[in-house]
PDB file of N, CA and C in Angstrom:
ATOM      1  N   MET A   1     151.607  31.167-118.064  1.00  0.00           N
ATOM      2  CA  MET A   1     150.627  30.278-118.261  1.00  0.00           C
ATOM      3  C   MET A   1     151.947  29.352-118.570  1.00  0.00           C
ATOM      4  N   LYS A   2     151.191  27.609-118.576  1.00  0.00           N
ATOM      5  CA  LYS A   2     152.342  26.651-118.627  1.00  0.00           C
ATOM      6  C   LYS A   2     151.905  25.770-119.878  1.00  0.00           C
ATOM      7  N   LYS A   3     152.483  24.865-120.677  1.00  0.00           N
ATOM      8  CA  LYS A   3     152.621  24.750-121.407  1.00  0.00           C
ATOM      9  C   LYS A   3     153.131  22.779-121.486  1.00  0.00           C
ATOM     10  N   ILE A   4     151.335  22.464-121.380  1.00  0.00           N
ATOM     11  CA  ILE A   4     152.522  20.548-121.290  1.00  0.00           C
ATOM     12  C   ILE A   4     152.585  20.024-122.268  1.00  0.00           C
ATOM     13  N   THR A   5     152.954  18.872-123.110  1.00  0.00           N
ATOM     14  CA  THR A   5     152.320  18.053-123.963  1.00  0.00           C
ATOM     15  C   THR A   5     151.019  16.296-123.544  1.00  0.00           C
ATOM     16  N   VAL A   6     150.343  16.599-124.259  1.00  0.00           N
ATOM     17  CA  VAL A   6     149.614  15.395-123.692  1.00  0.00           C
ATOM     18  C   VAL A   6     149.677  14.225-124.714  1.00  0.00           C
ATOM     19  N   ARG A   7     149.971  12.823-124.705  1.00  0.00           N
ATOM     20  CA  ARG A   7     149.510  11.604-125.634  1.00  0.00           C
ATOM     21  C   ARG A   7     148.191  11.453-125.416  1.00  0.00           C
ATOM     22  N   PHE A   8     147.727  11.383-126.747  1.00  0.00           N
ATOM     23  CA  PHE A   8     145.873  10.119-126.672  1.00  0.00           C
ATOM     24  C   PHE A   8     146.297   9.161-127.671  1.00  0.00           C
ATOM     25  N   ASP A   9     145.817   8.121-127.209  1.00  0.00           N
ATOM     26  CA  ASP A   9     145.789   7.399-128.086  1.00  0.00           C
ATOM     27  C   ASP A   9     144.767   8.008-129.235  1.00  0.00           C
ATOM     28  N   ASP A  10     144.902   6.921-130.484  1.00  0.00           N
ATOM     29  CA  ASP A  10     143.499   7.662-131.701  1.00  0.00           C
ATOM     30  C   ASP A  10     141.769   7.366-131.504  1.00  0.00           C
ATOM     31  N   GLU A  11     141.873   6.191-130.443  1.00  0.00           N
ATOM     32  CA  GLU A  11     140.942   6.328-130.916  1.00  0.00           C
ATOM     33  C   GLU A  11     139.629   7.467-129.006  1.00  0.00           C
ATOM     34  N   LEU A  12     140.946   8.063-128.628  1.00  0.00           N
ATOM     35  CA  LEU A  12     140.650   8.639-127.630  1.00  0.00           C
ATOM     36  C   LEU A  12     140.667   9.560-127.719  1.00  0.00           C
ATOM     37  N   HIS A  13     141.728  10.068-128.600  1.00  0.00           N
ATOM     38  CA  HIS A  13     141.661  11.993-128.745  1.00  0.00           C
ATOM     39  C   HIS A  13     140.518  12.117-130.382  1.00  0.00           C
ATOM     40  N   LYS A  14     139.734  10.844-130.676  1.00  0.00           N
ATOM     41  CA  LYS A  14     138.376  11.117-131.811  1.00  0.00           C
ATOM     42  C   LYS A  14     137.280  11.342-130.927  1.00  0.00           C
ATOM     43  N   ARG A  15     137.480  10.739-129.565  1.00  0.00           N
ATOM     44  CA  ARG A  15     136.157  10.724-129.102  1.00  0.00           C
ATOM     45  C   ARG A  15     136.325  12.024-128.579  1.00  0.00           C
ATOM     46  N   LEU A  16     137.383  12.646-127.742  1.00  0.00           N
ATOM     47  CA  LEU A  16     137.406  14.017-127.230  1.00  0.00           C
ATOM     48  C   LEU A  16     137.718  15.006-128.164  1.00  0.00           C
ATOM     49  N   ARG A  17     137.388  15.605-129.577  1.00  0.00           N
ATOM     50  CA  ARG A  17     137.789  15.685-130.406  1.00  0.00           C
ATOM     51  C   ARG A  17     136.093  16.388-131.399  1.00  0.00           C
ATOM     52  N   HIS A  18     135.456  14.893-131.358  1.00  0.00           N
ATOM     53  CA  HIS A  18     133.815  14.703-132.016  1.00  0.00           C
ATOM     54  C   HIS A  18     132.898  15.841-129.965  1.00  0.00           C
ATOM     55  N   LEU A  19     133.517  15.293-129.370  1.00  0.00           N
ATOM     56  CA  LEU A  19     133.223  15.632-127.958  1.00  0.00           C
ATOM     57  C   LEU A  19     132.828  17.838-128.173  1.00  0.00           C
ATOM     58  N   SER A  20     134.184  18.287-128.098  1.00  0.00           N
ATOM     59  CA  SER A  20     135.118  19.430-128.160  1.00  0.00           C
ATOM     60  C   SER A  20     134.058  20.313-129.327  1.00  0.00           C
ATOM     61  N   VAL A  21     134.124  18.910-130.340  1.00  0.00           N
ATOM     62  CA  VAL A  21     133.059  20.288-132.087  1.00  0.00           C
ATOM     63  C   VAL A  21     131.892  20.290-130.911  1.00  0.00           C
ATOM     64  N   GLU A  22     130.867  18.812-131.007  1.00  0.00           N
ATOM     65  CA  GLU A  22     130.106  18.876-130.493  1.00  0.00           C
ATOM     66  C   GLU A  22     128.792  20.299-129.048  1.00  0.00           C
ATOM     67  N   ARG A  23     130.100  20.804-128.219  1.00  0.00           N
ATOM     68  CA  ARG A  23     130.049  21.858-127.236  1.00  0.00           C
ATOM     69  C   ARG A  23     131.328  23.181-127.806  1.00  0.00           C
ATOM     70  N   GLU A  24     130.670  22.912-128.876  1.00  0.00           N
ATOM     71  CA  GLU A  24     131.348  24.326-129.593  1.00  0.00           C
ATOM     72  C   GLU A  24     133.141  24.468-128.852  1.00  0.00           C
ATOM     73  N   GLU A  25     133.531  24.198-128.377  1.00  0.00           N
ATOM     74  CA  GLU A  25     135.007  24.749-126.973  1.00  0.00           C
ATOM     75  C   GLU A  25     135.969  24.335-128.364  1.00  0.00           C
ATOM     76  N   SER A  26     136.820  24.821-127.506  1.00  0.00           N
ATOM     77  CA  SER A  26     138.219  23.923-129.191  1.00  0.00           C
ATOM     78  C   SER A  26     138.495  23.007-127.995  1.00  0.00           C
ATOM     79  N   LEU A  27     139.678  22.141-128.155  1.00  0.00           N
ATOM     80  CA  LEU A  27     140.246  20.671-127.661  1.00  0.00           C
ATOM     81  C   LEU A  27     141.079  21.322-126.323  1.00  0.00           C
ATOM     82  N   GLN A  28     141.938  22.397-126.383  1.00  0.00           N
ATOM     83  CA  GLN A  28     142.398  22.661-125.275  1.00  0.00           C
ATOM     84  C   GLN A  28     141.323  23.535-124.059  1.00  0.00           C
ATOM     85  N   GLN A  29     140.323  23.782-124.983  1.00  0.00           N
ATOM     86  CA  GLN A  29     139.071  24.506-123.693  1.00  0.00           C
ATOM     87  C   GLN A  29     138.438  23.940-122.768  1.00  0.00           C
ATOM     88  N   MET A  30     138.133  22.532-123.891  1.00  0.00           N
ATOM     89  CA  MET A  30     137.595  21.237-122.757  1.00  0.00           C
ATOM     90  C   MET A  30     138.245  20.930-122.431  1.00  0.00           C
ATOM     91  N   ILE A  31     139.407  20.591-122.587  1.00  0.00           N
ATOM     92  CA  ILE A  31     139.984  19.577-121.278  1.00  0.00           C
ATOM     93  C   ILE A  31     140.740  20.361-119.863  1.00  0.00           C
ATOM     94  N   VAL A  32     141.397  21.888-120.326  1.00  0.00           N
ATOM     95  CA  VAL A  32     141.079  22.869-118.850  1.00  0.00           C
ATOM     96  C   VAL A  32     140.257  22.313-118.842  1.00  0.00           C
ATOM     97  N   ARG A  33     138.879  23.041-118.751  1.00  0.00           N
ATOM     98  CA  ARG A  33     136.982  22.374-118.074  1.00  0.00           C
ATOM     99  C   ARG A  33     137.732  21.098-117.338  1.00  0.00           C
ATOM    100  N   LEU A  34     137.754  20.296-117.689  1.00  0.00           N
ATOM    101  CA  LEU A  34     137.562  18.680-117.276  1.00  0.00           C
ATOM    102  C   LEU A  34     138.451  18.626-115.867  1.00  0.00           C
ATOM    103  N   LEU A  35     139.843  19.864-116.886  1.00  0.00           N
ATOM    104  CA  LEU A  35     140.886  18.667-115.695  1.00  0.00           C
ATOM    105  C   LEU A  35     140.358  20.555-114.301  1.00  0.00           C
ATOM    106  N   ARG A  36     139.858  20.869-114.718  1.00  0.00           N
ATOM    107  CA  ARG A  36     139.701  21.882-113.682  1.00  0.00           C
ATOM    108  C   ARG A  36     138.454  21.575-112.303  1.00  0.00           C
ATOM    109  N   ALA A  37     137.135  21.013-112.851  1.00  0.00           N
ATOM    110  CA  ALA A  37     136.352  20.721-112.731  1.00  0.00           C
ATOM    111  C   ALA A  37     136.522  18.895-111.940  1.00  0.00           C
ATOM    112  N   GLU A  38     137.846  18.632-112.270  1.00  0.00           N
ATOM    113  CA  GLU A  38     137.912  16.688-111.527  1.00  0.00           C
ATOM    114  C   GLU A  38     139.219  17.325-110.575  1.00  0.00           C
ATOM    115  N   LEU A  39     139.542  18.864-110.573  1.00  0.00           N
ATOM    116  CA  LEU A  39     140.233  18.941-109.177  1.00  0.00           C
ATOM    117  C   LEU A  39     139.697  19.598-108.068  1.00  0.00           C
ATOM    118  N   GLU A  40     138.688  20.581-108.383  1.00  0.00           N
ATOM    119  CA  GLU A  40     136.903  20.388-107.392  1.00  0.00           C
ATOM    120  C   GLU A  40     136.687  19.600-106.568  1.00  0.00           C
ATOM    121  N   ARG A  41     136.741  19.022-107.446  1.00  0.00           N
ATOM    122  CA  ARG A  41     135.852  17.220-107.040  1.00  0.00           C
ATOM    123  C   ARG A  41     136.616  16.513-105.624  1.00  0.00           C
ATOM    124  N   HIS A  42     138.174  16.425-106.380  1.00  0.00           N
ATOM    125  CA  HIS A  42     139.462  15.767-105.806  1.00  0.00           C
ATOM    126  C   HIS A  42     139.571  17.054-104.253  1.00  0.00           C
ATOM    127  N   GLU A  43     139.592  18.130-104.679  1.00  0.00           N
ATOM    128  CA  GLU A  43     139.396  19.181-103.363  1.00  0.00           C
ATOM    129  C   GLU A  43     138.190  18.414-102.115  1.00  0.00           C
ATOM    130  N   ALA A  44     136.859  18.793-103.291  1.00  0.00           N
ATOM    131  CA  ALA A  44     135.333  19.591-101.306  1.00  0.00           C
ATOM    132  C   ALA A  44     135.358  17.902-101.556  1.00  0.00           C
ATOM    133  N   ALA A  45     136.135  16.430-101.672  1.00  0.00           N
ATOM    134  CA  ALA A  45     136.214  15.379-100.934  1.00  0.00           C
ATOM    135  C   ALA A  45     136.638  14.994 -99.844  1.00  0.00           C
ATOM    136  N   LYS A  46     138.226  15.910-100.007  1.00  0.00           N
ATOM    137  CA  LYS A  46     139.043  16.444 -99.419  1.00  0.00           C
ATOM    138  C   LYS A  46     138.325  16.504 -97.476  1.00  0.00           C
ATOM    139  N   LYS A  47     137.744  18.051 -97.750  1.00  0.00           N
ATOM    140  CA  LYS A  47     137.352  18.675 -96.639  1.00  0.00           C
ATOM    141  C   LYS A  47     136.857  17.684 -95.992  1.00  0.00           C
ATOM    142  N   PRO A  48     136.699  18.053 -94.522  1.00  0.00           N
ATOM    143  CA  PRO A  48     136.038  17.196 -93.637  1.00  0.00           C
ATOM    144  C   PRO A  48     134.257  17.750 -93.641  1.00  0.00           C
ATOM    145  N   PRO A  49     133.183  17.672 -93.186  1.00  0.00           N
ATOM    146  CA  PRO A  49     131.834  17.878 -93.343  1.00  0.00           C
ATOM    147  C   PRO A  49     132.140  19.068 -92.567  1.00  0.00           C
ATOM    148  N   ARG A  50     130.961  20.272 -92.583  1.00  0.00           N
ATOM    149  CA  ARG A  50     130.894  20.712 -91.804  1.00  0.00           C
ATOM    150  C   ARG A  50     129.774  20.771 -90.533  1.00  0.00           C
ATOM    151  N   ARG A  51     130.452  21.010 -89.298  1.00  0.00           N
ATOM    152  CA  ARG A  51     129.275  20.402 -87.725  1.00  0.00           C
ATOM    153  C   ARG A  51     128.358  21.856 -87.795  1.00  0.00           C
ATOM    154  N   ARG A  52     127.062  21.241 -87.524  1.00  0.00           N
ATOM    155  CA  ARG A  52     126.282  22.416 -87.237  1.00  0.00           C
ATOM    156  C   ARG A  52     126.631  22.036 -85.671  1.00  0.00           C
TER     157      ARG A  52
END
């Protein structure tokens, strides 16, 4: 597992923290989930449409 440091401005950090509390998950869990979802959307957009 790799570790990184990310800097957020105060307002973004506050909003993320509140959302993580609402969803009952840690800030790290939420950020990893959001990053994975974004990667999946990106990879799905790159795939050519299926032929029938």
